[in-house]
Amino acid sequence: MAIARWRPWSEMSGVQNEVNRIFEDFFTHSANEGNAIFAPPLDIAETENEILVKVEVPGVAQSDIDITVHDGVLTVKGEKKVAKEDKNLQWHRLERAYGSFSRSLTLPNTVSHDSIKAAYKDGVLTLSMAKREETKPRQIKIS
């Protein structure tokens, strides 16, 4: 009879990964993303004065990216087009994703929608959104 070593943490790791996936799907899913081929990863950061969103879209031309704001929802859509390849090639593995994408984020009330600026450099789209003046923290002096 063989004795197998029980490793409880390895089993818990699988459960934790599944819970993380469920929460990620719940908080990031959007109706606009349903038809997308892939969803580029994004990062969201905040300073005292602004919110920054960085979307990783390498290989996507700036002209193929569309950014809109409607009813407090910021949407970044685009398309990563397939590069023309040699037709004589026989592919053994294709891991790069091509096609359309769409990412949508509900903007917080603290953001001024008119202040949104976009920059594109080295395959990263950076969106900066200034916070409204009345929502910034301020010191109140006692008289």
N, C-alpha and C. Protein backbone atom coordinates (compact mmCIF):
# COMPACT_ATOMS: atom_id res chain seq x y z
N MET A 1 0.84 -1.17 0.00
CA MET A 1 0.00 0.00 0.00
C MET A 1 0.88 1.24 0.00
N ALA A 2 0.65 2.10 -0.96
CA ALA A 2 1.43 3.33 -1.07
C ALA A 2 0.78 4.43 -0.24
N ILE A 3 1.62 5.19 0.41
CA ILE A 3 1.12 6.32 1.20
C ILE A 3 1.43 7.59 0.44
N ALA A 4 0.40 8.37 0.19
CA ALA A 4 0.57 9.64 -0.53
C ALA A 4 0.54 10.78 0.47
N ARG A 5 1.44 11.70 0.30
CA ARG A 5 1.51 12.85 1.18
C ARG A 5 0.38 13.82 0.85
N TRP A 6 -0.36 14.22 1.86
CA TRP A 6 -1.47 15.15 1.67
C TRP A 6 -0.95 16.57 1.77
N ARG A 7 -1.25 17.35 0.77
CA ARG A 7 -0.82 18.75 0.74
C ARG A 7 -2.06 19.63 0.68
N PRO A 8 -2.57 20.05 1.83
CA PRO A 8 -3.82 20.80 1.85
C PRO A 8 -3.73 22.13 1.12
N TRP A 9 -2.57 22.74 1.11
CA TRP A 9 -2.45 24.07 0.47
C TRP A 9 -2.57 23.97 -1.04
N SER A 10 -2.15 22.85 -1.62
CA SER A 10 -2.29 22.72 -3.07
C SER A 10 -3.76 22.63 -3.46
N GLU A 11 -4.58 21.97 -2.63
CA GLU A 11 -6.01 21.90 -2.90
C GLU A 11 -6.66 23.27 -2.69
N MET A 12 -6.24 23.99 -1.68
CA MET A 12 -6.79 25.32 -1.40
C MET A 12 -6.42 26.30 -2.50
N SER A 13 -5.26 26.12 -3.09
CA SER A 13 -4.85 27.01 -4.18
C SER A 13 -5.82 26.93 -5.34
N GLY A 14 -6.27 25.73 -5.68
CA GLY A 14 -7.24 25.57 -6.76
C GLY A 14 -8.56 26.23 -6.43
N VAL A 15 -9.01 26.09 -5.19
CA VAL A 15 -10.26 26.73 -4.76
C VAL A 15 -10.11 28.25 -4.82
N GLN A 16 -8.98 28.75 -4.34
CA GLN A 16 -8.75 30.20 -4.35
C GLN A 16 -8.73 30.72 -5.78
N ASN A 17 -8.10 30.02 -6.70
CA ASN A 17 -8.07 30.45 -8.10
C ASN A 17 -9.47 30.51 -8.68
N GLU A 18 -10.30 29.54 -8.36
CA GLU A 18 -11.67 29.51 -8.87
C GLU A 18 -12.50 30.67 -8.30
N VAL A 19 -12.36 30.94 -7.01
CA VAL A 19 -13.07 32.07 -6.39
C VAL A 19 -12.61 33.38 -7.02
N ASN A 20 -11.30 33.54 -7.20
CA ASN A 20 -10.78 34.75 -7.85
C ASN A 20 -11.35 34.92 -9.25
N ARG A 21 -11.44 33.82 -10.01
CA ARG A 21 -11.98 33.90 -11.36
C ARG A 21 -13.44 34.32 -11.34
N ILE A 22 -14.21 33.76 -10.42
CA ILE A 22 -15.63 34.11 -10.33
C ILE A 22 -15.80 35.59 -10.01
N PHE A 23 -15.03 36.10 -9.03
CA PHE A 23 -15.13 37.51 -8.69
C PHE A 23 -14.67 38.39 -9.84
N GLU A 24 -13.60 38.00 -10.51
CA GLU A 24 -13.11 38.79 -11.64
C GLU A 24 -14.16 38.84 -12.75
N ASP A 25 -14.77 37.70 -13.06
CA ASP A 25 -15.81 37.67 -14.09
C ASP A 25 -16.99 38.55 -13.70
N PHE A 26 -17.38 38.48 -12.43
CA PHE A 26 -18.54 39.24 -11.97
C PHE A 26 -18.29 40.74 -12.07
N PHE A 27 -17.10 41.20 -11.64
CA PHE A 27 -16.84 42.63 -11.60
C PHE A 27 -16.37 43.21 -12.91
N THR A 28 -15.90 42.39 -13.83
CA THR A 28 -15.37 42.95 -15.08
C THR A 28 -16.24 42.67 -16.29
N HIS A 29 -17.24 41.80 -16.18
CA HIS A 29 -18.06 41.46 -17.34
C HIS A 29 -18.94 42.63 -17.74
N SER A 30 -19.07 42.83 -19.01
CA SER A 30 -19.92 43.88 -19.55
C SER A 30 -20.68 43.31 -20.73
N ALA A 31 -21.86 43.83 -20.97
CA ALA A 31 -22.64 43.38 -22.13
C ALA A 31 -21.89 43.67 -23.41
N ASN A 32 -21.11 44.74 -23.44
CA ASN A 32 -20.36 45.10 -24.64
C ASN A 32 -19.22 44.13 -24.91
N GLU A 33 -18.78 43.40 -23.90
CA GLU A 33 -17.66 42.50 -24.07
C GLU A 33 -18.09 41.14 -24.63
N GLY A 34 -19.38 40.89 -24.71
CA GLY A 34 -19.88 39.59 -25.13
C GLY A 34 -19.43 39.17 -26.51
N ASN A 35 -19.30 40.11 -27.44
CA ASN A 35 -18.94 39.78 -28.81
C ASN A 35 -17.44 39.90 -29.07
N ALA A 36 -16.68 40.31 -28.09
CA ALA A 36 -15.26 40.55 -28.29
C ALA A 36 -14.50 39.24 -28.40
N ILE A 37 -13.47 39.24 -29.24
CA ILE A 37 -12.61 38.08 -29.41
C ILE A 37 -11.67 37.96 -28.21
N PHE A 38 -11.12 39.07 -27.78
CA PHE A 38 -10.26 39.08 -26.60
C PHE A 38 -10.44 40.39 -25.86
N ALA A 39 -10.08 40.41 -24.61
CA ALA A 39 -10.19 41.62 -23.80
C ALA A 39 -8.79 41.99 -23.33
N PRO A 40 -8.26 43.11 -23.82
CA PRO A 40 -6.92 43.50 -23.41
C PRO A 40 -6.88 43.82 -21.92
N PRO A 41 -5.80 43.47 -21.25
CA PRO A 41 -5.71 43.76 -19.82
C PRO A 41 -5.62 45.25 -19.56
N LEU A 42 -6.12 45.67 -18.41
CA LEU A 42 -6.03 47.09 -18.06
C LEU A 42 -5.70 47.25 -16.60
N ASP A 43 -5.11 48.39 -16.28
CA ASP A 43 -4.77 48.75 -14.91
C ASP A 43 -5.49 50.05 -14.59
N ILE A 44 -5.94 50.19 -13.35
CA ILE A 44 -6.59 51.41 -12.90
C ILE A 44 -5.85 51.89 -11.66
N ALA A 45 -5.47 53.18 -11.68
CA ALA A 45 -4.76 53.78 -10.55
C ALA A 45 -5.40 55.12 -10.23
N GLU A 46 -5.13 55.60 -9.04
CA GLU A 46 -5.73 56.86 -8.60
C GLU A 46 -4.70 57.69 -7.85
N THR A 47 -4.71 58.99 -8.12
CA THR A 47 -3.93 59.95 -7.35
C THR A 47 -4.92 60.89 -6.67
N GLU A 48 -4.40 61.88 -5.99
CA GLU A 48 -5.28 62.85 -5.34
C GLU A 48 -6.09 63.63 -6.36
N ASN A 49 -5.52 63.84 -7.57
CA ASN A 49 -6.16 64.70 -8.56
C ASN A 49 -6.78 64.00 -9.75
N GLU A 50 -6.44 62.73 -9.98
CA GLU A 50 -6.95 62.08 -11.19
C GLU A 50 -7.02 60.57 -11.04
N ILE A 51 -7.73 59.97 -11.99
CA ILE A 51 -7.79 58.51 -12.12
C ILE A 51 -7.13 58.17 -13.45
N LEU A 52 -6.28 57.16 -13.44
CA LEU A 52 -5.58 56.72 -14.64
C LEU A 52 -6.00 55.31 -15.00
N VAL A 53 -6.24 55.09 -16.29
CA VAL A 53 -6.54 53.76 -16.80
C VAL A 53 -5.52 53.48 -17.90
N LYS A 54 -4.83 52.37 -17.79
CA LYS A 54 -3.86 51.97 -18.81
C LYS A 54 -4.35 50.67 -19.43
N VAL A 55 -4.51 50.68 -20.75
CA VAL A 55 -5.00 49.52 -21.49
C VAL A 55 -3.86 49.01 -22.37
N GLU A 56 -3.54 47.74 -22.24
CA GLU A 56 -2.45 47.14 -23.00
C GLU A 56 -2.98 46.67 -24.35
N VAL A 57 -2.60 47.35 -25.43
CA VAL A 57 -3.08 47.00 -26.77
C VAL A 57 -1.92 46.96 -27.78
N PRO A 58 -0.90 46.14 -27.53
CA PRO A 58 0.21 46.07 -28.48
C PRO A 58 -0.25 45.53 -29.83
N GLY A 59 0.30 46.09 -30.88
CA GLY A 59 -0.06 45.63 -32.22
C GLY A 59 -1.33 46.23 -32.76
N VAL A 60 -1.98 47.10 -31.99
CA VAL A 60 -3.20 47.76 -32.45
C VAL A 60 -2.83 49.18 -32.87
N ALA A 61 -3.19 49.54 -34.09
CA ALA A 61 -2.92 50.89 -34.58
C ALA A 61 -3.78 51.89 -33.83
N GLN A 62 -3.23 53.06 -33.58
CA GLN A 62 -3.97 54.11 -32.88
C GLN A 62 -5.28 54.43 -33.60
N SER A 63 -5.26 54.38 -34.92
CA SER A 63 -6.47 54.68 -35.71
C SER A 63 -7.54 53.59 -35.57
N ASP A 64 -7.18 52.43 -35.03
CA ASP A 64 -8.14 51.34 -34.84
C ASP A 64 -8.72 51.29 -33.43
N ILE A 65 -8.49 52.35 -32.64
CA ILE A 65 -9.01 52.42 -31.27
C ILE A 65 -10.07 53.51 -31.20
N ASP A 66 -11.20 53.19 -30.58
CA ASP A 66 -12.31 54.13 -30.42
C ASP A 66 -12.64 54.24 -28.93
N ILE A 67 -12.67 55.47 -28.42
CA ILE A 67 -12.95 55.71 -27.00
C ILE A 67 -14.21 56.56 -26.90
N THR A 68 -15.19 56.10 -26.12
CA THR A 68 -16.43 56.86 -25.95
C THR A 68 -16.82 56.90 -24.47
N VAL A 69 -17.59 57.93 -24.11
CA VAL A 69 -18.20 58.03 -22.79
C VAL A 69 -19.68 58.28 -23.00
N HIS A 70 -20.51 57.43 -22.40
CA HIS A 70 -21.96 57.59 -22.53
C HIS A 70 -22.62 57.14 -21.23
N ASP A 71 -23.41 58.02 -20.65
CA ASP A 71 -24.12 57.72 -19.40
C ASP A 71 -23.19 57.22 -18.30
N GLY A 72 -22.02 57.84 -18.19
CA GLY A 72 -21.09 57.48 -17.13
C GLY A 72 -20.30 56.22 -17.35
N VAL A 73 -20.36 55.68 -18.57
CA VAL A 73 -19.61 54.46 -18.89
C VAL A 73 -18.56 54.78 -19.95
N LEU A 74 -17.31 54.51 -19.62
CA LEU A 74 -16.20 54.69 -20.54
C LEU A 74 -15.99 53.38 -21.29
N THR A 75 -15.97 53.45 -22.62
CA THR A 75 -15.79 52.24 -23.44
C THR A 75 -14.60 52.43 -24.37
N VAL A 76 -13.73 51.45 -24.39
CA VAL A 76 -12.59 51.42 -25.31
C VAL A 76 -12.83 50.23 -26.24
N LYS A 77 -12.97 50.52 -27.53
CA LYS A 77 -13.17 49.47 -28.54
C LYS A 77 -12.03 49.55 -29.54
N GLY A 78 -11.78 48.44 -30.18
CA GLY A 78 -10.76 48.45 -31.21
C GLY A 78 -10.68 47.13 -31.93
N GLU A 79 -9.68 47.06 -32.78
CA GLU A 79 -9.46 45.83 -33.53
C GLU A 79 -7.98 45.64 -33.75
N LYS A 80 -7.52 44.44 -33.45
CA LYS A 80 -6.15 44.05 -33.75
C LYS A 80 -6.21 43.23 -35.02
N LYS A 81 -5.68 43.81 -36.09
CA LYS A 81 -5.79 43.17 -37.40
C LYS A 81 -4.69 42.14 -37.60
N VAL A 82 -5.02 41.10 -38.33
CA VAL A 82 -4.07 40.03 -38.62
C VAL A 82 -3.05 40.56 -39.62
N ALA A 83 -1.78 40.38 -39.28
CA ALA A 83 -0.72 40.78 -40.19
C ALA A 83 -0.67 39.81 -41.36
N LYS A 84 -0.32 40.33 -42.52
CA LYS A 84 -0.20 39.46 -43.69
C LYS A 84 1.01 38.55 -43.50
N GLU A 85 0.76 37.28 -43.58
CA GLU A 85 1.81 36.28 -43.37
C GLU A 85 2.06 35.51 -44.67
N ASP A 86 3.19 34.86 -44.73
CA ASP A 86 3.55 34.01 -45.86
C ASP A 86 2.58 32.83 -45.91
N LYS A 87 1.91 32.65 -47.03
CA LYS A 87 0.91 31.58 -47.16
C LYS A 87 1.55 30.19 -47.20
N ASN A 88 2.86 30.12 -47.39
CA ASN A 88 3.55 28.83 -47.42
C ASN A 88 3.89 28.32 -46.03
N LEU A 89 3.64 29.12 -45.01
CA LEU A 89 3.96 28.70 -43.65
C LEU A 89 2.94 27.70 -43.14
N GLN A 90 3.43 26.69 -42.43
CA GLN A 90 2.55 25.75 -41.74
C GLN A 90 2.69 26.04 -40.25
N TRP A 91 1.61 26.51 -39.65
CA TRP A 91 1.65 26.91 -38.25
C TRP A 91 1.56 25.70 -37.34
N HIS A 92 2.38 25.70 -36.30
CA HIS A 92 2.33 24.66 -35.27
C HIS A 92 1.64 25.17 -34.01
N ARG A 93 1.68 26.47 -33.81
CA ARG A 93 1.04 27.07 -32.65
C ARG A 93 0.71 28.53 -32.96
N LEU A 94 -0.50 28.93 -32.64
CA LEU A 94 -0.94 30.32 -32.79
C LEU A 94 -1.49 30.78 -31.45
N GLU A 95 -0.75 31.62 -30.74
CA GLU A 95 -1.17 32.09 -29.43
C GLU A 95 -1.58 33.56 -29.43
N ARG A 96 -1.17 34.31 -30.44
CA ARG A 96 -1.51 35.73 -30.47
C ARG A 96 -2.97 35.89 -30.86
N ALA A 97 -3.66 36.77 -30.15
CA ALA A 97 -5.09 37.00 -30.40
C ALA A 97 -5.27 38.15 -31.39
N TYR A 98 -6.22 38.00 -32.27
CA TYR A 98 -6.57 39.03 -33.24
C TYR A 98 -8.07 39.20 -33.23
N GLY A 99 -8.51 40.33 -33.73
CA GLY A 99 -9.94 40.58 -33.83
C GLY A 99 -10.36 41.79 -33.04
N SER A 100 -11.66 41.90 -32.82
CA SER A 100 -12.20 43.07 -32.14
C SER A 100 -12.16 42.88 -30.63
N PHE A 101 -12.14 44.01 -29.92
CA PHE A 101 -12.20 43.97 -28.47
C PHE A 101 -13.02 45.15 -27.98
N SER A 102 -13.50 45.03 -26.76
CA SER A 102 -14.26 46.10 -26.13
C SER A 102 -14.13 45.96 -24.62
N ARG A 103 -13.75 47.04 -23.96
CA ARG A 103 -13.69 47.07 -22.50
C ARG A 103 -14.51 48.27 -22.04
N SER A 104 -15.37 48.07 -21.06
CA SER A 104 -16.21 49.14 -20.53
C SER A 104 -16.04 49.25 -19.03
N LEU A 105 -15.99 50.49 -18.54
CA LEU A 105 -15.85 50.76 -17.12
C LEU A 105 -16.87 51.81 -16.71
N THR A 106 -17.54 51.59 -15.61
CA THR A 106 -18.42 52.61 -15.06
C THR A 106 -17.56 53.62 -14.32
N LEU A 107 -17.68 54.88 -14.71
CA LEU A 107 -16.87 55.92 -14.09
C LEU A 107 -17.47 56.34 -12.75
N PRO A 108 -16.62 56.62 -11.77
CA PRO A 108 -17.15 57.10 -10.49
C PRO A 108 -17.66 58.54 -10.62
N ASN A 109 -18.50 58.94 -9.70
CA ASN A 109 -19.05 60.30 -9.73
C ASN A 109 -18.00 61.37 -9.52
N THR A 110 -16.83 60.99 -9.05
CA THR A 110 -15.77 61.96 -8.77
C THR A 110 -15.06 62.44 -10.03
N VAL A 111 -15.29 61.79 -11.16
CA VAL A 111 -14.58 62.11 -12.39
C VAL A 111 -15.34 63.13 -13.23
N SER A 112 -14.60 64.10 -13.75
CA SER A 112 -15.16 65.06 -14.69
C SER A 112 -15.07 64.45 -16.09
N HIS A 113 -16.20 64.13 -16.69
CA HIS A 113 -16.21 63.47 -18.00
C HIS A 113 -15.59 64.33 -19.09
N ASP A 114 -15.65 65.65 -18.94
CA ASP A 114 -15.07 66.55 -19.94
C ASP A 114 -13.55 66.61 -19.86
N SER A 115 -12.97 66.07 -18.83
CA SER A 115 -11.52 66.18 -18.63
C SER A 115 -10.74 64.97 -19.14
N ILE A 116 -11.41 63.99 -19.70
CA ILE A 116 -10.74 62.75 -20.09
C ILE A 116 -9.77 63.01 -21.25
N LYS A 117 -8.53 62.56 -21.06
CA LYS A 117 -7.50 62.71 -22.09
C LYS A 117 -6.93 61.33 -22.39
N ALA A 118 -6.54 61.13 -23.64
CA ALA A 118 -5.99 59.83 -24.05
C ALA A 118 -4.63 60.02 -24.71
N ALA A 119 -3.72 59.11 -24.42
CA ALA A 119 -2.40 59.09 -25.05
C ALA A 119 -2.08 57.63 -25.38
N TYR A 120 -1.35 57.44 -26.48
CA TYR A 120 -1.00 56.09 -26.93
C TYR A 120 0.49 56.04 -27.20
N LYS A 121 1.18 55.15 -26.49
CA LYS A 121 2.61 55.04 -26.68
C LYS A 121 3.05 53.60 -26.40
N ASP A 122 3.86 53.05 -27.28
CA ASP A 122 4.44 51.72 -27.10
C ASP A 122 3.41 50.64 -26.79
N GLY A 123 2.25 50.71 -27.45
CA GLY A 123 1.23 49.69 -27.27
C GLY A 123 0.39 49.82 -26.02
N VAL A 124 0.53 50.95 -25.32
CA VAL A 124 -0.26 51.18 -24.11
C VAL A 124 -1.09 52.45 -24.29
N LEU A 125 -2.40 52.30 -24.14
CA LEU A 125 -3.32 53.44 -24.18
C LEU A 125 -3.50 53.92 -22.75
N THR A 126 -3.20 55.20 -22.50
CA THR A 126 -3.34 55.78 -21.17
C THR A 126 -4.45 56.80 -21.18
N LEU A 127 -5.44 56.60 -20.33
CA LEU A 127 -6.55 57.53 -20.18
C LEU A 127 -6.42 58.20 -18.82
N SER A 128 -6.40 59.54 -18.82
CA SER A 128 -6.34 60.26 -17.55
C SER A 128 -7.62 61.06 -17.40
N MET A 129 -8.19 60.98 -16.20
CA MET A 129 -9.47 61.63 -15.92
C MET A 129 -9.32 62.45 -14.65
N ALA A 130 -9.46 63.76 -14.78
CA ALA A 130 -9.33 64.63 -13.61
C ALA A 130 -10.53 64.46 -12.69
N LYS A 131 -10.26 64.54 -11.40
CA LYS A 131 -11.35 64.50 -10.43
C LYS A 131 -11.99 65.88 -10.36
N ARG A 132 -13.29 65.88 -10.13
CA ARG A 132 -13.99 67.15 -9.99
C ARG A 132 -13.51 67.83 -8.71
N GLU A 133 -13.39 69.14 -8.78
CA GLU A 133 -12.86 69.92 -7.67
C GLU A 133 -13.67 69.71 -6.38
N GLU A 134 -14.99 69.64 -6.49
CA GLU A 134 -15.82 69.52 -5.29
C GLU A 134 -15.73 68.15 -4.63
N THR A 135 -15.13 67.19 -5.29
CA THR A 135 -15.02 65.85 -4.69
C THR A 135 -13.65 65.61 -4.07
N LYS A 136 -12.72 66.54 -4.26
CA LYS A 136 -11.39 66.37 -3.68
C LYS A 136 -11.44 66.67 -2.18
N PRO A 137 -10.65 65.97 -1.40
CA PRO A 137 -10.63 66.25 0.03
C PRO A 137 -10.07 67.65 0.30
N ARG A 138 -10.62 68.32 1.30
CA ARG A 138 -10.11 69.64 1.65
C ARG A 138 -10.12 69.79 3.16
N GLN A 139 -9.23 70.61 3.63
CA GLN A 139 -9.12 70.86 5.07
C GLN A 139 -10.10 71.95 5.47
N ILE A 140 -10.82 71.74 6.56
CA ILE A 140 -11.75 72.74 7.07
C ILE A 140 -11.22 73.23 8.41
N LYS A 141 -11.03 74.55 8.49
CA LYS A 141 -10.51 75.15 9.72
C LYS A 141 -11.64 75.46 10.67
N ILE A 142 -11.36 75.29 11.92
CA ILE A 142 -12.33 75.60 12.97
C ILE A 142 -12.19 77.07 13.32
N SER A 143 -13.31 77.79 13.34
CA SER A 143 -13.24 79.23 13.66
C SER A 143 -13.54 79.50 15.11
